[in-house]
Amino acid sequence: MARRRNVIGGAGSNINLKKTTIELTEEQYFFLKEKVLELQKQNQKASIVSIIRDLVEKDRQEWAKEKKEKRR
């Protein structure tokens, strides 16, 4: 479940952050870890967390798109 919350950063600015918690089976975890390591080799500066975040967000968008198309 994703939640948005405001966090006060430096100099009193508001920054929107999204916290996502996912539950994975052991098989899903190792698949995801392999995928992350593959992608990290392509982009040396990317962190594992940022790659996982991008993969989760992409999957979430595809799921929402499929759900929307089914409603039509």
N, C-alpha and C. Protein backbone atom coordinates (compact mmCIF):
# COMPACT_ATOMS: atom_id res chain seq x y z
N MET A 1 0.84 -1.18 0.00
CA MET A 1 0.00 0.00 0.00
C MET A 1 0.89 1.24 0.00
N ALA A 2 0.60 2.16 -0.87
CA ALA A 2 1.40 3.37 -0.97
C ALA A 2 0.70 4.52 -0.23
N ARG A 3 1.47 5.29 0.49
CA ARG A 3 0.93 6.45 1.19
C ARG A 3 1.78 7.66 0.87
N ARG A 4 1.12 8.79 0.71
CA ARG A 4 1.85 10.03 0.51
C ARG A 4 1.90 10.77 1.83
N ARG A 5 3.05 11.37 2.10
CA ARG A 5 3.17 12.17 3.30
C ARG A 5 4.13 13.31 3.05
N ASN A 6 3.92 14.37 3.72
CA ASN A 6 4.79 15.53 3.59
C ASN A 6 5.86 15.47 4.67
N VAL A 7 7.07 15.72 4.26
CA VAL A 7 8.19 15.74 5.18
C VAL A 7 8.87 17.09 5.04
N ILE A 8 9.17 17.70 6.15
CA ILE A 8 9.81 19.00 6.10
C ILE A 8 11.29 18.80 5.87
N GLY A 9 11.79 19.35 4.78
CA GLY A 9 13.20 19.24 4.44
C GLY A 9 13.96 20.48 4.91
N GLY A 10 15.12 20.67 4.39
CA GLY A 10 15.92 21.83 4.73
C GLY A 10 15.23 23.13 4.36
N ALA A 11 15.40 24.15 5.12
CA ALA A 11 14.85 25.49 4.89
C ALA A 11 13.33 25.50 4.82
N GLY A 12 12.68 24.55 5.50
CA GLY A 12 11.23 24.56 5.60
C GLY A 12 10.48 24.17 4.34
N SER A 13 11.11 23.56 3.36
CA SER A 13 10.42 23.17 2.13
C SER A 13 9.69 21.85 2.34
N ASN A 14 8.53 21.70 1.68
CA ASN A 14 7.78 20.45 1.75
C ASN A 14 8.19 19.56 0.59
N ILE A 15 8.43 18.30 0.89
CA ILE A 15 8.81 17.31 -0.13
C ILE A 15 7.82 16.17 -0.03
N ASN A 16 7.19 15.80 -1.15
CA ASN A 16 6.27 14.67 -1.15
C ASN A 16 7.05 13.37 -1.30
N LEU A 17 6.82 12.45 -0.38
CA LEU A 17 7.45 11.15 -0.44
C LEU A 17 6.36 10.10 -0.48
N LYS A 18 6.65 8.99 -1.13
CA LYS A 18 5.70 7.89 -1.19
C LYS A 18 6.38 6.67 -0.59
N LYS A 19 5.75 6.08 0.41
CA LYS A 19 6.29 4.89 1.05
C LYS A 19 5.53 3.69 0.55
N THR A 20 6.25 2.69 0.04
CA THR A 20 5.62 1.49 -0.48
C THR A 20 6.18 0.28 0.24
N THR A 21 5.30 -0.57 0.69
CA THR A 21 5.70 -1.82 1.32
C THR A 21 5.16 -2.95 0.46
N ILE A 22 6.04 -3.88 0.12
CA ILE A 22 5.61 -5.03 -0.69
C ILE A 22 6.01 -6.32 0.02
N GLU A 23 5.20 -7.33 -0.16
CA GLU A 23 5.52 -8.66 0.36
C GLU A 23 5.87 -9.55 -0.81
N LEU A 24 6.99 -10.25 -0.69
CA LEU A 24 7.47 -11.10 -1.78
C LEU A 24 7.71 -12.51 -1.27
N THR A 25 7.46 -13.47 -2.14
CA THR A 25 7.88 -14.84 -1.82
C THR A 25 9.39 -14.90 -2.02
N GLU A 26 9.99 -15.95 -1.55
CA GLU A 26 11.43 -16.11 -1.72
C GLU A 26 11.80 -16.15 -3.20
N GLU A 27 10.98 -16.82 -4.00
CA GLU A 27 11.22 -16.91 -5.45
C GLU A 27 11.14 -15.53 -6.11
N GLN A 28 10.13 -14.74 -5.73
CA GLN A 28 9.98 -13.39 -6.27
C GLN A 28 11.17 -12.52 -5.87
N TYR A 29 11.61 -12.66 -4.63
CA TYR A 29 12.73 -11.87 -4.13
C TYR A 29 13.99 -12.14 -4.95
N PHE A 30 14.30 -13.40 -5.20
CA PHE A 30 15.51 -13.72 -5.95
C PHE A 30 15.40 -13.31 -7.41
N PHE A 31 14.20 -13.43 -8.00
CA PHE A 31 14.00 -12.95 -9.36
C PHE A 31 14.24 -11.44 -9.42
N LEU A 32 13.66 -10.72 -8.49
CA LEU A 32 13.81 -9.27 -8.44
C LEU A 32 15.27 -8.87 -8.21
N LYS A 33 15.94 -9.58 -7.35
CA LYS A 33 17.35 -9.30 -7.06
C LYS A 33 18.20 -9.50 -8.31
N GLU A 34 17.95 -10.59 -9.07
CA GLU A 34 18.69 -10.82 -10.32
C GLU A 34 18.44 -9.69 -11.32
N LYS A 35 17.18 -9.29 -11.45
CA LYS A 35 16.81 -8.22 -12.37
C LYS A 35 17.51 -6.92 -11.98
N VAL A 36 17.54 -6.62 -10.70
CA VAL A 36 18.18 -5.40 -10.20
C VAL A 36 19.67 -5.43 -10.50
N LEU A 37 20.30 -6.54 -10.26
CA LEU A 37 21.75 -6.63 -10.53
C LEU A 37 22.04 -6.46 -12.02
N GLU A 38 21.17 -7.01 -12.88
CA GLU A 38 21.30 -6.83 -14.33
C GLU A 38 21.22 -5.35 -14.70
N LEU A 39 20.19 -4.69 -14.18
CA LEU A 39 19.98 -3.27 -14.50
C LEU A 39 21.07 -2.40 -13.90
N GLN A 40 21.59 -2.79 -12.74
CA GLN A 40 22.63 -2.00 -12.10
C GLN A 40 23.93 -2.06 -12.92
N LYS A 41 24.18 -3.16 -13.59
CA LYS A 41 25.36 -3.26 -14.45
C LYS A 41 25.28 -2.26 -15.60
N GLN A 42 24.04 -2.01 -16.09
CA GLN A 42 23.84 -1.05 -17.18
C GLN A 42 24.00 0.38 -16.70
N ASN A 43 23.58 0.65 -15.48
CA ASN A 43 23.64 2.01 -14.93
C ASN A 43 24.38 1.95 -13.60
N GLN A 44 25.68 2.13 -13.63
CA GLN A 44 26.53 1.97 -12.46
C GLN A 44 26.16 2.89 -11.29
N LYS A 45 25.55 4.03 -11.60
CA LYS A 45 25.25 5.00 -10.54
C LYS A 45 23.92 4.74 -9.85
N ALA A 46 23.09 3.86 -10.40
CA ALA A 46 21.77 3.60 -9.83
C ALA A 46 21.90 2.71 -8.59
N SER A 47 21.16 3.05 -7.55
CA SER A 47 21.16 2.22 -6.35
C SER A 47 20.14 1.10 -6.51
N ILE A 48 20.32 0.05 -5.75
CA ILE A 48 19.39 -1.07 -5.81
C ILE A 48 17.99 -0.61 -5.42
N VAL A 49 17.90 0.23 -4.42
CA VAL A 49 16.59 0.72 -3.97
C VAL A 49 15.90 1.52 -5.07
N SER A 50 16.63 2.39 -5.77
CA SER A 50 16.00 3.19 -6.82
C SER A 50 15.55 2.30 -7.98
N ILE A 51 16.30 1.27 -8.30
CA ILE A 51 15.92 0.35 -9.38
C ILE A 51 14.67 -0.43 -8.98
N ILE A 52 14.63 -0.93 -7.75
CA ILE A 52 13.44 -1.64 -7.28
C ILE A 52 12.24 -0.72 -7.30
N ARG A 53 12.41 0.50 -6.85
CA ARG A 53 11.32 1.48 -6.85
C ARG A 53 10.79 1.69 -8.26
N ASP A 54 11.69 1.83 -9.22
CA ASP A 54 11.29 2.03 -10.62
C ASP A 54 10.54 0.81 -11.16
N LEU A 55 11.04 -0.40 -10.84
CA LEU A 55 10.37 -1.62 -11.30
C LEU A 55 8.97 -1.75 -10.71
N VAL A 56 8.84 -1.45 -9.42
CA VAL A 56 7.54 -1.53 -8.76
C VAL A 56 6.58 -0.51 -9.35
N GLU A 57 7.05 0.71 -9.57
CA GLU A 57 6.21 1.76 -10.14
C GLU A 57 5.76 1.40 -11.56
N LYS A 58 6.68 0.87 -12.36
CA LYS A 58 6.34 0.47 -13.73
C LYS A 58 5.28 -0.63 -13.71
N ASP A 59 5.45 -1.62 -12.84
CA ASP A 59 4.49 -2.70 -12.74
C ASP A 59 3.13 -2.18 -12.27
N ARG A 60 3.13 -1.26 -11.33
CA ARG A 60 1.90 -0.69 -10.82
C ARG A 60 1.14 0.06 -11.91
N GLN A 61 1.88 0.80 -12.75
CA GLN A 61 1.26 1.54 -13.85
C GLN A 61 0.66 0.58 -14.88
N GLU A 62 1.38 -0.50 -15.20
CA GLU A 62 0.87 -1.49 -16.15
C GLU A 62 -0.38 -2.16 -15.60
N TRP A 63 -0.38 -2.47 -14.30
CA TRP A 63 -1.54 -3.09 -13.67
C TRP A 63 -2.75 -2.16 -13.72
N ALA A 64 -2.53 -0.88 -13.43
CA ALA A 64 -3.62 0.11 -13.46
C ALA A 64 -4.17 0.25 -14.88
N LYS A 65 -3.27 0.23 -15.87
CA LYS A 65 -3.69 0.35 -17.27
C LYS A 65 -4.54 -0.85 -17.68
N GLU A 66 -4.11 -2.06 -17.31
CA GLU A 66 -4.87 -3.27 -17.63
C GLU A 66 -6.23 -3.25 -16.93
N LYS A 67 -6.25 -2.81 -15.69
CA LYS A 67 -7.51 -2.74 -14.95
C LYS A 67 -8.47 -1.76 -15.60
N LYS A 68 -7.95 -0.63 -16.06
CA LYS A 68 -8.78 0.38 -16.72
C LYS A 68 -9.35 -0.15 -18.04
N GLU A 69 -8.51 -0.89 -18.80
CA GLU A 69 -8.97 -1.45 -20.08
C GLU A 69 -10.04 -2.51 -19.87
N LYS A 70 -9.96 -3.27 -18.78
CA LYS A 70 -10.96 -4.30 -18.49
C LYS A 70 -12.32 -3.69 -18.18
N ARG A 71 -12.34 -2.51 -17.63
CA ARG A 71 -13.59 -1.84 -17.27
C ARG A 71 -14.37 -1.39 -18.50
N ARG A 72 -13.69 -1.24 -19.62
CA ARG A 72 -14.34 -0.75 -20.85
C ARG A 72 -15.14 -1.80 -21.51
